[in-house]
Amino acid sequence: MDSYPNKMSGGEQQRVAIARALANDPEVILADEPTGNLDTKTGEMVMKFLDDLNRKGRTIVMVTHDLDLVKKHARTVFWIKDGKVEKITKNIKGKK
């Protein structure tokens, strides 16, 4: 509460942004690189939280370059190249 944004780390700022985005209990969550500025442990916590929200009926739209996140968490992937959808892959969560 006594910290100003310019005194917070990138990871702290990202966690605050996630909390603010979820404050109104939205049905759709747009997550642009949700683990981008986070250490591995905190990133896993954020993804677990997003997975839990998804299981409770929230739609999560995530943009990422992290293929590990895609493999562990995505159900449907829209592969985009040069602004166009190249392919759509369904039900990949948990596949190697």
C-alpha atoms as a PDB file:
ATOM      1  CA  MET A   1       0.000   0.000   0.000  1.00  0.00           C
ATOM      2  CA  ASP A   2       2.895   2.346   0.693  1.00  0.00           C
ATOM      3  CA  SER A   3       4.770   1.319  -2.467  1.00  0.00           C
ATOM      4  CA  TYR A   4       4.610   3.397  -5.616  1.00  0.00           C
ATOM      5  CA  PRO A   5       4.725   1.693  -9.031  1.00  0.00           C
ATOM      6  CA  ASN A   6       8.137   3.144  -9.872  1.00  0.00           C
ATOM      7  CA  LYS A   7       9.544   1.586  -6.679  1.00  0.00           C
ATOM      8  CA  MET A   8       8.212  -1.894  -7.450  1.00  0.00           C
ATOM      9  CA  SER A   9       9.957  -4.613  -9.444  1.00  0.00           C
ATOM     10  CA  GLY A  10       8.577  -5.667 -12.817  1.00  0.00           C
ATOM     11  CA  GLY A  11       7.261  -8.867 -11.255  1.00  0.00           C
ATOM     12  CA  GLU A  12       5.509  -6.955  -8.478  1.00  0.00           C
ATOM     13  CA  GLN A  13       3.956  -4.604 -11.011  1.00  0.00           C
ATOM     14  CA  GLN A  14       2.763  -7.568 -13.046  1.00  0.00           C
ATOM     15  CA  ARG A  15       1.154  -9.233 -10.019  1.00  0.00           C
ATOM     16  CA  VAL A  16      -0.649  -5.973  -9.160  1.00  0.00           C
ATOM     17  CA  ALA A  17      -1.876  -5.685 -12.756  1.00  0.00           C
ATOM     18  CA  ILE A  18      -3.237  -9.239 -12.601  1.00  0.00           C
ATOM     19  CA  ALA A  19      -4.989  -8.530  -9.292  1.00  0.00           C
ATOM     20  CA  ARG A  20      -6.542  -5.333 -10.682  1.00  0.00           C
ATOM     21  CA  ALA A  21      -7.721  -7.148 -13.812  1.00  0.00           C
ATOM     22  CA  LEU A  22      -9.434  -9.815 -11.721  1.00  0.00           C
ATOM     23  CA  ALA A  23     -11.023  -7.451  -9.183  1.00  0.00           C
ATOM     24  CA  ASN A  24     -14.319  -7.243 -11.101  1.00  0.00           C
ATOM     25  CA  ASP A  25     -14.551 -11.030 -11.584  1.00  0.00           C
ATOM     26  CA  PRO A  26     -14.568 -10.905 -15.418  1.00  0.00           C
ATOM     27  CA  GLU A  27     -15.913 -13.760 -17.524  1.00  0.00           C
ATOM     28  CA  VAL A  28     -13.095 -13.357 -20.069  1.00  0.00           C
ATOM     29  CA  ILE A  29      -9.482 -12.722 -19.063  1.00  0.00           C
ATOM     30  CA  LEU A  30      -7.004 -11.410 -21.624  1.00  0.00           C
ATOM     31  CA  ALA A  31      -3.499 -12.395 -20.500  1.00  0.00           C
ATOM     32  CA  ASP A  32      -0.642 -10.973 -22.575  1.00  0.00           C
ATOM     33  CA  GLU A  33       2.536 -12.823 -21.532  1.00  0.00           C
ATOM     34  CA  PRO A  34       1.184 -13.340 -17.982  1.00  0.00           C
ATOM     35  CA  THR A  35       4.452 -14.843 -16.736  1.00  0.00           C
ATOM     36  CA  GLY A  36       6.809 -12.623 -18.746  1.00  0.00           C
ATOM     37  CA  ASN A  37       8.385 -10.683 -15.854  1.00  0.00           C
ATOM     38  CA  LEU A  38       8.000 -13.349 -13.199  1.00  0.00           C
ATOM     39  CA  ASP A  39      10.400 -15.853 -11.714  1.00  0.00           C
ATOM     40  CA  THR A  40       9.580 -19.508 -12.336  1.00  0.00           C
ATOM     41  CA  LYS A  41       7.869 -20.142  -8.997  1.00  0.00           C
ATOM     42  CA  THR A  42       5.660 -17.049  -9.198  1.00  0.00           C
ATOM     43  CA  GLY A  43       4.884 -17.766 -12.857  1.00  0.00           C
ATOM     44  CA  GLU A  44       3.698 -21.253 -11.925  1.00  0.00           C
ATOM     45  CA  MET A  45       1.492 -19.770  -9.195  1.00  0.00           C
ATOM     46  CA  VAL A  46      -0.061 -17.340 -11.682  1.00  0.00           C
ATOM     47  CA  MET A  47      -0.714 -20.119 -14.200  1.00  0.00           C
ATOM     48  CA  LYS A  48      -2.244 -22.365 -11.517  1.00  0.00           C
ATOM     49  CA  PHE A  49      -4.531 -19.499 -10.568  1.00  0.00           C
ATOM     50  CA  LEU A  50      -5.533 -18.934 -14.222  1.00  0.00           C
ATOM     51  CA  ASP A  51      -6.124 -22.697 -14.632  1.00  0.00           C
ATOM     52  CA  ASP A  52      -8.380 -22.645 -11.555  1.00  0.00           C
ATOM     53  CA  LEU A  53     -10.343 -19.710 -12.953  1.00  0.00           C
ATOM     54  CA  ASN A  54     -10.711 -21.553 -16.259  1.00  0.00           C
ATOM     55  CA  ARG A  55     -12.029 -24.661 -14.489  1.00  0.00           C
ATOM     56  CA  LYS A  56     -14.594 -22.415 -12.782  1.00  0.00           C
ATOM     57  CA  GLY A  57     -15.895 -21.261 -16.153  1.00  0.00           C
ATOM     58  CA  ARG A  58     -13.778 -18.236 -17.005  1.00  0.00           C
ATOM     59  CA  THR A  59     -12.421 -17.953 -20.531  1.00  0.00           C
ATOM     60  CA  ILE A  60      -8.693 -17.261 -20.625  1.00  0.00           C
ATOM     61  CA  VAL A  61      -7.174 -15.794 -23.786  1.00  0.00           C
ATOM     62  CA  MET A  62      -3.408 -15.924 -23.391  1.00  0.00           C
ATOM     63  CA  VAL A  63      -0.749 -14.559 -25.705  1.00  0.00           C
ATOM     64  CA  THR A  64       2.671 -16.108 -25.174  1.00  0.00           C
ATOM     65  CA  HIS A  65       5.892 -17.087 -26.866  1.00  0.00           C
ATOM     66  CA  ASP A  66       6.578 -19.670 -24.148  1.00  0.00           C
ATOM     67  CA  LEU A  67       5.890 -23.096 -25.674  1.00  0.00           C
ATOM     68  CA  ASP A  68       6.159 -24.728 -22.231  1.00  0.00           C
ATOM     69  CA  LEU A  69       3.139 -22.691 -21.095  1.00  0.00           C
ATOM     70  CA  VAL A  70       1.302 -23.737 -24.239  1.00  0.00           C
ATOM     71  CA  LYS A  71       2.029 -27.432 -23.640  1.00  0.00           C
ATOM     72  CA  LYS A  72       1.088 -27.322 -19.957  1.00  0.00           C
ATOM     73  CA  HIS A  73      -1.951 -25.057 -19.996  1.00  0.00           C
ATOM     74  CA  ALA A  74      -3.559 -24.541 -23.414  1.00  0.00           C
ATOM     75  CA  ARG A  75      -6.601 -26.393 -24.667  1.00  0.00           C
ATOM     76  CA  THR A  76      -6.809 -24.598 -27.995  1.00  0.00           C
ATOM     77  CA  VAL A  77      -3.923 -22.789 -29.683  1.00  0.00           C
ATOM     78  CA  PHE A  78      -4.229 -20.308 -32.515  1.00  0.00           C
ATOM     79  CA  TRP A  79      -0.787 -20.219 -34.150  1.00  0.00           C
ATOM     80  CA  ILE A  80      -0.326 -16.742 -35.599  1.00  0.00           C
ATOM     81  CA  LYS A  81       2.391 -15.673 -38.016  1.00  0.00           C
ATOM     82  CA  ASP A  82       2.651 -12.283 -39.679  1.00  0.00           C
ATOM     83  CA  GLY A  83      -0.782 -11.340 -38.325  1.00  0.00           C
ATOM     84  CA  LYS A  84      -2.595 -14.349 -39.784  1.00  0.00           C
ATOM     85  CA  VAL A  85      -3.797 -17.579 -38.190  1.00  0.00           C
ATOM     86  CA  GLU A  86      -1.587 -20.340 -39.602  1.00  0.00           C
ATOM     87  CA  LYS A  87      -3.297 -23.229 -37.851  1.00  0.00           C
ATOM     88  CA  ILE A  88      -5.485 -24.136 -34.897  1.00  0.00           C
ATOM     89  CA  THR A  89      -4.527 -26.952 -32.544  1.00  0.00           C
ATOM     90  CA  LYS A  90      -7.099 -28.299 -30.077  1.00  0.00           C
ATOM     91  CA  ASN A  91      -6.806 -30.305 -26.870  1.00  0.00           C
ATOM     92  CA  ILE A  92      -3.047 -30.070 -26.469  1.00  0.00           C
ATOM     93  CA  LYS A  93      -3.012 -29.484 -22.707  1.00  0.00           C
ATOM     94  CA  GLY A  94      -0.693 -31.992 -21.073  1.00  0.00           C
ATOM     95  CA  LYS A  95       0.673 -33.421 -24.333  1.00  0.00           C
ATOM     96  CA  LYS A  96       4.436 -33.581 -24.844  1.00  0.00           C
END
